[in-house]
Amino acid sequence: MGRLLNEHFPLIAIAPLVVALLVLTLYPAVQLVRMAFSDVGLVSGGTTWTFVGLDHLRTLIGDRVARIAFTNTLIFTVVVVPIEAVLGLLLAYLVNQTRTLGTFYKTVFIVPLLLPPIAIGALWRLMLDYNYGVVNQALLAFGIGGPPWLASPSLALPMVMLVDVWHWTSFMFLIFLAGVSSIPIELGEAAEVDGASPWQVFRDVVLPILKPTIVVALMMRTILAFKVFDVPYLLTGGGPGTATEMINIYIEKVFFQQFRVGYGGMLTLLTALILSTFVIVYQQLSRRVEAEA
């Protein structure tokens, strides 16, 4: 028995973790797929499951609000992720070059990431308020009448994007700062001795080394951005109309306001499939970058 335990100890050691992962991931995933193809009713403290096949998918195809929600979420993700990546990378590089106030800048730039989303939503909602918000009050001091930032169909989504960039750029900053800090300083100094400008050092030395880190950061932020819920929900609730309707906000309405559990499962399953596609694409890109390195 002792010899058997020694030979198979690694498998025995991870067995409880594997069982826990199967229970906490595989079972909910199977239930989600089942829910997406069933009509779930809530009756007398229990549930009834009726298989309906592709009925929810047909409903989804004809659901205008769902199409708008997916489109808004995709636009939101495509816009904010590159902006946050570029700003985070530039800030990380510049702070890493700073010798005097580096600690101060690091502290300032990570503050937005430390704030709870509900506090961020309340803060920016007050700042962008049409009547007494500090933004419109500042514009009024220069004789400019500020617009209804969160009540305008054309401005609401850009404002939500602005708040997200303010909040999550610090996340990208921390990841890139760790990557930039790990690059030996001798590489940049050698390039400068050879006559390279600071921009050439950044482009030809820093960026190639950081490519694997950049891909991982983009993948993580893309997943989080596509699952956005808290800030747009707190700022606009998906309005005005459907101007800032994100897919997770719509799923919450379908589940908890309309009580269409089966249809909500179909929306959730489609969202998970889209995110899985993103992950596969980033993994292929990561392998290519690693092969080039």
C-alpha atoms as a PDB file:
ATOM      1  CA  MET A   1       0.000   0.000   0.000  1.00  0.00           C
ATOM      2  CA  GLY A   2       2.839   2.394   0.830  1.00  0.00           C
ATOM      3  CA  ARG A   3       4.530   1.692  -2.498  1.00  0.00           C
ATOM      4  CA  LEU A   4       1.234   2.244  -4.311  1.00  0.00           C
ATOM      5  CA  LEU A   5       0.721   5.576  -2.570  1.00  0.00           C
ATOM      6  CA  ASN A   6       4.242   6.710  -3.422  1.00  0.00           C
ATOM      7  CA  GLU A   7       3.887   5.788  -7.093  1.00  0.00           C
ATOM      8  CA  HIS A   8       0.524   7.515  -7.536  1.00  0.00           C
ATOM      9  CA  PHE A   9       0.851  10.295  -4.984  1.00  0.00           C
ATOM     10  CA  PRO A  10       0.615  13.166  -7.571  1.00  0.00           C
ATOM     11  CA  LEU A  11      -2.669  11.791  -8.910  1.00  0.00           C
ATOM     12  CA  ILE A  12      -4.016  11.210  -5.420  1.00  0.00           C
ATOM     13  CA  ALA A  13      -3.002  14.723  -4.343  1.00  0.00           C
ATOM     14  CA  ILE A  14      -4.799  16.499  -7.188  1.00  0.00           C
ATOM     15  CA  ALA A  15      -7.852  14.205  -7.210  1.00  0.00           C
ATOM     16  CA  PRO A  16      -9.888  16.372  -4.759  1.00  0.00           C
ATOM     17  CA  LEU A  17      -9.153  19.477  -6.845  1.00  0.00           C
ATOM     18  CA  VAL A  18     -10.166  17.707 -10.053  1.00  0.00           C
ATOM     19  CA  VAL A  19     -13.419  16.543  -8.470  1.00  0.00           C
ATOM     20  CA  ALA A  20     -14.156  20.061  -7.188  1.00  0.00           C
ATOM     21  CA  LEU A  21     -13.483  21.582 -10.616  1.00  0.00           C
ATOM     22  CA  LEU A  22     -15.735  19.047 -12.308  1.00  0.00           C
ATOM     23  CA  VAL A  23     -18.543  19.762  -9.848  1.00  0.00           C
ATOM     24  CA  LEU A  24     -18.152  23.549  -9.997  1.00  0.00           C
ATOM     25  CA  THR A  25     -17.565  23.909 -13.759  1.00  0.00           C
ATOM     26  CA  LEU A  26     -18.704  20.882 -15.720  1.00  0.00           C
ATOM     27  CA  TYR A  27     -22.038  20.442 -13.954  1.00  0.00           C
ATOM     28  CA  PRO A  28     -23.078  24.140 -14.301  1.00  0.00           C
ATOM     29  CA  ALA A  29     -21.989  24.073 -17.954  1.00  0.00           C
ATOM     30  CA  VAL A  30     -24.142  21.022 -18.651  1.00  0.00           C
ATOM     31  CA  GLN A  31     -27.060  22.645 -16.845  1.00  0.00           C
ATOM     32  CA  LEU A  32     -26.611  25.818 -18.894  1.00  0.00           C
ATOM     33  CA  VAL A  33     -26.756  23.870 -22.163  1.00  0.00           C
ATOM     34  CA  ARG A  34     -29.822  22.027 -20.918  1.00  0.00           C
ATOM     35  CA  MET A  35     -31.444  25.314 -19.895  1.00  0.00           C
ATOM     36  CA  ALA A  36     -30.750  26.890 -23.292  1.00  0.00           C
ATOM     37  CA  PHE A  37     -32.846  24.223 -25.013  1.00  0.00           C
ATOM     38  CA  SER A  38     -35.612  24.003 -22.431  1.00  0.00           C
ATOM     39  CA  ASP A  39     -38.495  26.052 -21.149  1.00  0.00           C
ATOM     40  CA  VAL A  40     -37.934  26.387 -17.407  1.00  0.00           C
ATOM     41  CA  GLY A  41     -40.920  27.168 -15.230  1.00  0.00           C
ATOM     42  CA  LEU A  42     -40.879  28.201 -11.568  1.00  0.00           C
ATOM     43  CA  VAL A  43     -43.778  26.609  -9.695  1.00  0.00           C
ATOM     44  CA  SER A  44     -44.417  26.124  -5.976  1.00  0.00           C
ATOM     45  CA  GLY A  45     -40.808  26.260  -4.876  1.00  0.00           C
ATOM     46  CA  GLY A  46     -39.565  24.027  -7.686  1.00  0.00           C
ATOM     47  CA  THR A  47     -38.796  24.057 -11.399  1.00  0.00           C
ATOM     48  CA  THR A  48     -40.225  22.312 -14.423  1.00  0.00           C
ATOM     49  CA  TRP A  49     -38.062  21.628 -17.467  1.00  0.00           C
ATOM     50  CA  THR A  50     -39.697  21.213 -20.876  1.00  0.00           C
ATOM     51  CA  PHE A  51     -37.501  20.525 -23.888  1.00  0.00           C
ATOM     52  CA  VAL A  52     -38.235  23.031 -26.662  1.00  0.00           C
ATOM     53  CA  GLY A  53     -35.375  22.357 -29.077  1.00  0.00           C
ATOM     54  CA  LEU A  54     -34.312  25.403 -31.083  1.00  0.00           C
ATOM     55  CA  ASP A  55     -37.260  27.608 -30.074  1.00  0.00           C
ATOM     56  CA  HIS A  56     -35.061  29.944 -28.012  1.00  0.00           C
ATOM     57  CA  LEU A  57     -32.591  30.242 -30.902  1.00  0.00           C
ATOM     58  CA  ARG A  58     -35.441  31.250 -33.234  1.00  0.00           C
ATOM     59  CA  THR A  59     -36.547  33.805 -30.649  1.00  0.00           C
ATOM     60  CA  LEU A  60     -32.986  35.126 -30.454  1.00  0.00           C
ATOM     61  CA  ILE A  61     -32.779  35.555 -34.228  1.00  0.00           C
ATOM     62  CA  GLY A  62     -35.881  37.738 -34.163  1.00  0.00           C
ATOM     63  CA  ASP A  63     -34.966  39.627 -30.991  1.00  0.00           C
ATOM     64  CA  ARG A  64     -34.003  43.173 -32.001  1.00  0.00           C
ATOM     65  CA  VAL A  65     -32.877  44.177 -28.504  1.00  0.00           C
ATOM     66  CA  ALA A  66     -30.546  41.174 -28.285  1.00  0.00           C
ATOM     67  CA  ARG A  67     -28.927  42.124 -31.598  1.00  0.00           C
ATOM     68  CA  ILE A  68     -28.442  45.692 -30.366  1.00  0.00           C
ATOM     69  CA  ALA A  69     -27.009  44.433 -27.067  1.00  0.00           C
ATOM     70  CA  PHE A  70     -24.494  42.154 -28.800  1.00  0.00           C
ATOM     71  CA  THR A  71     -23.550  44.952 -31.226  1.00  0.00           C
ATOM     72  CA  ASN A  72     -23.076  47.495 -28.421  1.00  0.00           C
ATOM     73  CA  THR A  73     -20.967  45.035 -26.451  1.00  0.00           C
ATOM     74  CA  LEU A  74     -18.794  44.234 -29.446  1.00  0.00           C
ATOM     75  CA  ILE A  75     -18.305  47.934 -30.281  1.00  0.00           C
ATOM     76  CA  PHE A  76     -17.533  48.659 -26.635  1.00  0.00           C
ATOM     77  CA  THR A  77     -14.921  45.883 -26.510  1.00  0.00           C
ATOM     78  CA  VAL A  78     -13.280  46.779 -29.827  1.00  0.00           C
ATOM     79  CA  VAL A  79     -12.943  50.435 -28.792  1.00  0.00           C
ATOM     80  CA  VAL A  80     -11.906  50.325 -25.131  1.00  0.00           C
ATOM     81  CA  VAL A  81      -9.448  47.407 -25.151  1.00  0.00           C
ATOM     82  CA  PRO A  82      -6.943  48.903 -27.669  1.00  0.00           C
ATOM     83  CA  ILE A  83      -7.156  52.336 -26.028  1.00  0.00           C
ATOM     84  CA  GLU A  84      -6.527  50.887 -22.571  1.00  0.00           C
ATOM     85  CA  ALA A  85      -3.676  48.740 -23.901  1.00  0.00           C
ATOM     86  CA  VAL A  86      -1.917  51.659 -25.612  1.00  0.00           C
ATOM     87  CA  LEU A  87      -2.351  54.006 -22.644  1.00  0.00           C
ATOM     88  CA  GLY A  88      -1.335  51.340 -20.147  1.00  0.00           C
ATOM     89  CA  LEU A  89       1.782  50.422 -22.128  1.00  0.00           C
ATOM     90  CA  LEU A  90       2.887  54.036 -22.598  1.00  0.00           C
ATOM     91  CA  LEU A  91       2.315  54.884 -18.933  1.00  0.00           C
ATOM     92  CA  ALA A  92       4.178  51.763 -17.809  1.00  0.00           C
ATOM     93  CA  TYR A  93       7.138  52.554 -20.041  1.00  0.00           C
ATOM     94  CA  LEU A  94       7.322  56.196 -18.977  1.00  0.00           C
ATOM     95  CA  VAL A  95       6.955  55.405 -15.268  1.00  0.00           C
ATOM     96  CA  ASN A  96       9.647  52.744 -15.532  1.00  0.00           C
ATOM     97  CA  GLN A  97      11.952  55.392 -17.012  1.00  0.00           C
ATOM     98  CA  THR A  98      11.248  57.779 -14.128  1.00  0.00           C
ATOM     99  CA  ARG A  99      13.855  57.800 -11.395  1.00  0.00           C
ATOM    100  CA  THR A 100      12.445  60.335  -8.915  1.00  0.00           C
ATOM    101  CA  LEU A 101       8.640  60.099  -8.700  1.00  0.00           C
ATOM    102  CA  GLY A 102       8.139  56.524  -9.880  1.00  0.00           C
ATOM    103  CA  THR A 103       6.483  55.352  -6.659  1.00  0.00           C
ATOM    104  CA  PHE A 104       4.139  58.335  -6.634  1.00  0.00           C
ATOM    105  CA  TYR A 105       3.045  57.760 -10.230  1.00  0.00           C
ATOM    106  CA  LYS A 106       2.493  54.036  -9.606  1.00  0.00           C
ATOM    107  CA  THR A 107       0.261  54.837  -6.651  1.00  0.00           C
ATOM    108  CA  VAL A 108      -1.766  57.411  -8.583  1.00  0.00           C
ATOM    109  CA  PHE A 109      -2.274  55.240 -11.662  1.00  0.00           C
ATOM    110  CA  ILE A 110      -3.556  52.194  -9.759  1.00  0.00           C
ATOM    111  CA  VAL A 111      -6.111  54.137  -7.677  1.00  0.00           C
ATOM    112  CA  PRO A 112      -8.985  53.664 -10.198  1.00  0.00           C
ATOM    113  CA  LEU A 113      -8.490  49.900 -10.096  1.00  0.00           C
ATOM    114  CA  LEU A 114      -8.810  49.900  -6.293  1.00  0.00           C
ATOM    115  CA  LEU A 115     -12.201  51.627  -6.251  1.00  0.00           C
ATOM    116  CA  PRO A 116     -15.357  49.465  -6.113  1.00  0.00           C
ATOM    117  CA  PRO A 117     -17.395  49.597  -9.355  1.00  0.00           C
ATOM    118  CA  ILE A 118     -20.451  50.893  -7.493  1.00  0.00           C
ATOM    119  CA  ALA A 119     -18.391  53.835  -6.221  1.00  0.00           C
ATOM    120  CA  ILE A 120     -17.081  54.516  -9.726  1.00  0.00           C
ATOM    121  CA  GLY A 121     -20.609  54.441 -11.151  1.00  0.00           C
ATOM    122  CA  ALA A 122     -21.934  56.802  -8.498  1.00  0.00           C
ATOM    123  CA  LEU A 123     -18.935  59.143  -8.808  1.00  0.00           C
ATOM    124  CA  TRP A 124     -19.132  59.517 -12.574  1.00  0.00           C
ATOM    125  CA  ARG A 125     -22.915  59.693 -12.597  1.00  0.00           C
ATOM    126  CA  LEU A 126     -22.716  62.690 -10.267  1.00  0.00           C
ATOM    127  CA  MET A 127     -19.911  64.279 -12.278  1.00  0.00           C
ATOM    128  CA  LEU A 128     -21.793  63.911 -15.573  1.00  0.00           C
ATOM    129  CA  ASP A 129     -25.187  64.972 -14.236  1.00  0.00           C
ATOM    130  CA  TYR A 130     -26.833  67.497 -16.556  1.00  0.00           C
ATOM    131  CA  ASN A 131     -28.068  69.887 -13.848  1.00  0.00           C
ATOM    132  CA  TYR A 132     -25.423  69.950 -11.103  1.00  0.00           C
ATOM    133  CA  GLY A 133     -22.554  67.768 -12.344  1.00  0.00           C
ATOM    134  CA  VAL A 134     -19.077  69.213 -12.023  1.00  0.00           C
ATOM    135  CA  VAL A 135     -18.399  68.751 -15.757  1.00  0.00           C
ATOM    136  CA  ASN A 136     -21.328  70.893 -16.868  1.00  0.00           C
ATOM    137  CA  GLN A 137     -20.694  73.382 -14.086  1.00  0.00           C
ATOM    138  CA  ALA A 138     -17.120  73.811 -15.313  1.00  0.00           C
ATOM    139  CA  LEU A 139     -18.324  74.303 -18.884  1.00  0.00           C
ATOM    140  CA  LEU A 140     -20.920  76.789 -17.675  1.00  0.00           C
ATOM    141  CA  ALA A 141     -18.160  78.859 -16.094  1.00  0.00           C
ATOM    142  CA  PHE A 142     -16.814  79.419 -19.620  1.00  0.00           C
ATOM    143  CA  GLY A 143     -20.262  80.197 -20.986  1.00  0.00           C
ATOM    144  CA  ILE A 144     -20.742  76.757 -22.557  1.00  0.00           C
ATOM    145  CA  GLY A 145     -23.927  74.812 -21.940  1.00  0.00           C
ATOM    146  CA  GLY A 146     -23.024  71.185 -21.378  1.00  0.00           C
ATOM    147  CA  PRO A 147     -25.129  68.443 -23.007  1.00  0.00           C
ATOM    148  CA  PRO A 148     -26.988  65.669 -21.136  1.00  0.00           C
ATOM    149  CA  TRP A 149     -24.041  63.305 -21.244  1.00  0.00           C
ATOM    150  CA  LEU A 150     -25.828  60.183 -20.007  1.00  0.00           C
ATOM    151  CA  ALA A 151     -29.278  60.974 -21.388  1.00  0.00           C
ATOM    152  CA  SER A 152     -28.244  61.561 -24.993  1.00  0.00           C
ATOM    153  CA  PRO A 153     -28.469  58.484 -27.272  1.00  0.00           C
ATOM    154  CA  SER A 154     -25.389  59.662 -29.175  1.00  0.00           C
ATOM    155  CA  LEU A 155     -23.259  60.492 -26.116  1.00  0.00           C
ATOM    156  CA  ALA A 156     -24.209  57.834 -23.559  1.00  0.00           C
ATOM    157  CA  LEU A 157     -22.130  54.994 -25.030  1.00  0.00           C
ATOM    158  CA  PRO A 158     -18.980  57.139 -25.515  1.00  0.00           C
ATOM    159  CA  MET A 159     -19.312  58.287 -21.893  1.00  0.00           C
ATOM    160  CA  VAL A 160     -19.562  54.702 -20.693  1.00  0.00           C
ATOM    161  CA  MET A 161     -16.449  53.920 -22.739  1.00  0.00           C
ATOM    162  CA  LEU A 162     -14.651  56.904 -21.208  1.00  0.00           C
ATOM    163  CA  VAL A 163     -15.402  55.742 -17.680  1.00  0.00           C
ATOM    164  CA  ASP A 164     -14.272  52.213 -18.535  1.00  0.00           C
ATOM    165  CA  VAL A 165     -10.988  53.511 -19.962  1.00  0.00           C
ATOM    166  CA  TRP A 166     -10.433  55.578 -16.820  1.00  0.00           C
ATOM    167  CA  HIS A 167     -11.134  52.527 -14.659  1.00  0.00           C
ATOM    168  CA  TRP A 168      -9.305  49.725 -16.494  1.00  0.00           C
ATOM    169  CA  THR A 169      -6.252  51.460 -17.935  1.00  0.00           C
ATOM    170  CA  SER A 170      -4.651  50.949 -14.530  1.00  0.00           C
ATOM    171  CA  PHE A 171      -5.170  47.188 -14.924  1.00  0.00           C
ATOM    172  CA  MET A 172      -3.209  47.190 -18.187  1.00  0.00           C
ATOM    173  CA  PHE A 173      -0.674  49.549 -16.614  1.00  0.00           C
ATOM    174  CA  LEU A 174       0.109  47.068 -13.827  1.00  0.00           C
ATOM    175  CA  ILE A 175       0.540  44.142 -16.226  1.00  0.00           C
ATOM    176  CA  PHE A 176       2.774  46.079 -18.590  1.00  0.00           C
ATOM    177  CA  LEU A 177       4.746  47.644 -15.746  1.00  0.00           C
ATOM    178  CA  ALA A 178       5.665  44.161 -14.531  1.00  0.00           C
ATOM    179  CA  GLY A 179       6.768  43.251 -18.059  1.00  0.00           C
ATOM    180  CA  VAL A 180       8.748  46.439 -18.653  1.00  0.00           C
ATOM    181  CA  SER A 181      10.438  46.190 -15.249  1.00  0.00           C
ATOM    182  CA  SER A 182      11.675  42.684 -16.091  1.00  0.00           C
ATOM    183  CA  ILE A 183      13.567  43.856 -19.203  1.00  0.00           C
ATOM    184  CA  PRO A 184      17.294  44.211 -18.432  1.00  0.00           C
ATOM    185  CA  ILE A 185      18.229  47.884 -18.477  1.00  0.00           C
ATOM    186  CA  GLU A 186      21.467  46.986 -20.257  1.00  0.00           C
ATOM    187  CA  LEU A 187      19.541  46.253 -23.473  1.00  0.00           C
ATOM    188  CA  GLY A 188      18.212  49.795 -23.711  1.00  0.00           C
ATOM    189  CA  GLU A 189      21.554  51.304 -22.763  1.00  0.00           C
ATOM    190  CA  ALA A 190      23.326  49.246 -25.416  1.00  0.00           C
ATOM    191  CA  ALA A 191      20.835  50.403 -28.048  1.00  0.00           C
ATOM    192  CA  GLU A 192      21.335  54.038 -26.991  1.00  0.00           C
ATOM    193  CA  VAL A 193      25.101  53.624 -27.246  1.00  0.00           C
ATOM    194  CA  ASP A 194      24.598  52.393 -30.812  1.00  0.00           C
ATOM    195  CA  GLY A 195      22.737  55.628 -31.571  1.00  0.00           C
ATOM    196  CA  ALA A 196      19.114  54.553 -31.088  1.00  0.00           C
ATOM    197  CA  SER A 197      16.620  57.220 -30.090  1.00  0.00           C
ATOM    198  CA  PRO A 198      14.195  56.655 -27.172  1.00  0.00           C
ATOM    199  CA  TRP A 199      11.429  55.875 -29.686  1.00  0.00           C
ATOM    200  CA  GLN A 200      13.649  53.332 -31.466  1.00  0.00           C
ATOM    201  CA  VAL A 201      14.525  51.709 -28.143  1.00  0.00           C
ATOM    202  CA  PHE A 202      10.815  51.421 -27.343  1.00  0.00           C
ATOM    203  CA  ARG A 203       9.908  50.117 -30.806  1.00  0.00           C
ATOM    204  CA  ASP A 204      12.828  47.763 -31.473  1.00  0.00           C
ATOM    205  CA  VAL A 205      13.767  46.574 -27.979  1.00  0.00           C
ATOM    206  CA  VAL A 206      10.822  46.913 -25.587  1.00  0.00           C
ATOM    207  CA  LEU A 207       7.903  45.981 -27.857  1.00  0.00           C
ATOM    208  CA  PRO A 208       9.389  42.736 -29.257  1.00  0.00           C
ATOM    209  CA  ILE A 209      10.190  41.488 -25.756  1.00  0.00           C
ATOM    210  CA  LEU A 210       6.736  42.443 -24.464  1.00  0.00           C
ATOM    211  CA  LYS A 211       4.755  40.761 -27.266  1.00  0.00           C
ATOM    212  CA  PRO A 212       3.789  37.662 -25.200  1.00  0.00           C
ATOM    213  CA  THR A 213       2.761  39.890 -22.278  1.00  0.00           C
ATOM    214  CA  ILE A 214       0.728  42.131 -24.578  1.00  0.00           C
ATOM    215  CA  VAL A 215      -1.183  39.177 -26.038  1.00  0.00           C
ATOM    216  CA  VAL A 216      -2.035  37.803 -22.582  1.00  0.00           C
ATOM    217  CA  ALA A 217      -3.104  41.240 -21.339  1.00  0.00           C
ATOM    218  CA  LEU A 218      -5.310  41.783 -24.394  1.00  0.00           C
ATOM    219  CA  MET A 219      -6.935  38.389 -23.952  1.00  0.00           C
ATOM    220  CA  MET A 220      -7.713  38.991 -20.277  1.00  0.00           C
ATOM    221  CA  ARG A 221      -9.045  42.488 -20.889  1.00  0.00           C
ATOM    222  CA  THR A 222     -11.137  41.404 -23.892  1.00  0.00           C
ATOM    223  CA  ILE A 223     -12.856  38.758 -21.789  1.00  0.00           C
ATOM    224  CA  LEU A 224     -13.552  41.233 -18.996  1.00  0.00           C
ATOM    225  CA  ALA A 225     -14.717  43.960 -21.401  1.00  0.00           C
ATOM    226  CA  PHE A 226     -17.164  41.678 -23.213  1.00  0.00           C
ATOM    227  CA  LYS A 227     -18.627  40.693 -19.836  1.00  0.00           C
ATOM    228  CA  VAL A 228     -19.062  44.319 -18.767  1.00  0.00           C
ATOM    229  CA  PHE A 229     -22.077  44.926 -16.545  1.00  0.00           C
ATOM    230  CA  ASP A 230     -21.536  47.031 -13.449  1.00  0.00           C
ATOM    231  CA  VAL A 231     -20.459  50.447 -14.752  1.00  0.00           C
ATOM    232  CA  PRO A 232     -22.974  50.792 -17.644  1.00  0.00           C
ATOM    233  CA  TYR A 233     -25.701  49.381 -15.407  1.00  0.00           C
ATOM    234  CA  LEU A 234     -24.962  51.958 -12.720  1.00  0.00           C
ATOM    235  CA  LEU A 235     -24.482  54.859 -15.136  1.00  0.00           C
ATOM    236  CA  THR A 236     -27.373  54.358 -17.547  1.00  0.00           C
ATOM    237  CA  GLY A 237     -29.090  51.041 -16.852  1.00  0.00           C
ATOM    238  CA  GLY A 238     -28.739  50.304 -20.562  1.00  0.00           C
ATOM    239  CA  GLY A 239     -30.454  53.524 -21.637  1.00  0.00           C
ATOM    240  CA  PRO A 240     -31.442  55.915 -22.934  1.00  0.00           C
ATOM    241  CA  GLY A 241     -33.532  53.440 -24.868  1.00  0.00           C
ATOM    242  CA  THR A 242     -31.054  50.780 -25.942  1.00  0.00           C
ATOM    243  CA  ALA A 243     -28.097  53.137 -26.517  1.00  0.00           C
ATOM    244  CA  THR A 244     -25.913  51.444 -23.875  1.00  0.00           C
ATOM    245  CA  GLU A 245     -27.671  48.088 -23.676  1.00  0.00           C
ATOM    246  CA  MET A 246     -24.931  45.519 -23.088  1.00  0.00           C
ATOM    247  CA  ILE A 247     -25.558  41.812 -23.434  1.00  0.00           C
ATOM    248  CA  ASN A 248     -25.040  41.127 -19.720  1.00  0.00           C
ATOM    249  CA  ILE A 249     -27.495  43.878 -18.796  1.00  0.00           C
ATOM    250  CA  TYR A 250     -30.028  42.374 -21.191  1.00  0.00           C
ATOM    251  CA  ILE A 251     -29.435  38.883 -19.783  1.00  0.00           C
ATOM    252  CA  GLU A 252     -30.093  40.231 -16.289  1.00  0.00           C
ATOM    253  CA  LYS A 253     -33.383  41.712 -17.487  1.00  0.00           C
ATOM    254  CA  VAL A 254     -34.397  38.486 -19.221  1.00  0.00           C
ATOM    255  CA  PHE A 255     -33.603  36.371 -16.154  1.00  0.00           C
ATOM    256  CA  PHE A 256     -34.744  38.521 -13.247  1.00  0.00           C
ATOM    257  CA  GLN A 257     -37.297  40.953 -14.703  1.00  0.00           C
ATOM    258  CA  GLN A 258     -38.952  38.925 -17.463  1.00  0.00           C
ATOM    259  CA  PHE A 259     -38.387  35.520 -15.762  1.00  0.00           C
ATOM    260  CA  ARG A 260     -37.572  33.893 -19.133  1.00  0.00           C
ATOM    261  CA  VAL A 261     -35.040  31.476 -17.696  1.00  0.00           C
ATOM    262  CA  GLY A 262     -34.662  29.259 -20.746  1.00  0.00           C
ATOM    263  CA  TYR A 263     -34.175  32.180 -23.136  1.00  0.00           C
ATOM    264  CA  GLY A 264     -31.694  33.753 -20.719  1.00  0.00           C
ATOM    265  CA  GLY A 265     -29.781  30.482 -20.790  1.00  0.00           C
ATOM    266  CA  MET A 266     -29.592  30.654 -24.593  1.00  0.00           C
ATOM    267  CA  LEU A 267     -28.251  34.230 -24.438  1.00  0.00           C
ATOM    268  CA  THR A 268     -25.697  33.194 -21.832  1.00  0.00           C
ATOM    269  CA  LEU A 269     -24.614  30.176 -23.867  1.00  0.00           C
ATOM    270  CA  LEU A 270     -24.107  32.311 -26.977  1.00  0.00           C
ATOM    271  CA  THR A 271     -22.079  34.833 -24.950  1.00  0.00           C
ATOM    272  CA  ALA A 272     -19.887  32.019 -23.622  1.00  0.00           C
ATOM    273  CA  LEU A 273     -19.333  30.704 -27.159  1.00  0.00           C
ATOM    274  CA  ILE A 274     -18.289  34.159 -28.384  1.00  0.00           C
ATOM    275  CA  LEU A 275     -15.844  34.511 -25.486  1.00  0.00           C
ATOM    276  CA  SER A 276     -14.474  31.030 -26.213  1.00  0.00           C
ATOM    277  CA  THR A 277     -13.829  32.138 -29.790  1.00  0.00           C
ATOM    278  CA  PHE A 278     -11.893  35.146 -28.512  1.00  0.00           C
ATOM    279  CA  VAL A 279      -9.804  32.899 -26.257  1.00  0.00           C
ATOM    280  CA  ILE A 280      -9.007  30.479 -29.113  1.00  0.00           C
ATOM    281  CA  VAL A 281      -7.927  33.343 -31.380  1.00  0.00           C
ATOM    282  CA  TYR A 282      -5.688  34.824 -28.674  1.00  0.00           C
ATOM    283  CA  GLN A 283      -4.193  31.424 -27.897  1.00  0.00           C
ATOM    284  CA  GLN A 284      -3.289  30.929 -31.554  1.00  0.00           C
ATOM    285  CA  LEU A 285      -1.780  34.415 -31.619  1.00  0.00           C
ATOM    286  CA  SER A 286       0.145  33.678 -28.429  1.00  0.00           C
ATOM    287  CA  ARG A 287       1.622  30.486 -29.891  1.00  0.00           C
ATOM    288  CA  ARG A 288       2.670  32.389 -33.010  1.00  0.00           C
ATOM    289  CA  VAL A 289       4.334  35.110 -30.942  1.00  0.00           C
ATOM    290  CA  GLU A 290       6.156  32.562 -28.791  1.00  0.00           C
ATOM    291  CA  ALA A 291       7.337  30.718 -31.906  1.00  0.00           C
ATOM    292  CA  GLU A 292       8.698  33.964 -33.363  1.00  0.00           C
ATOM    293  CA  ALA A 293      10.434  34.763 -30.071  1.00  0.00           C
END
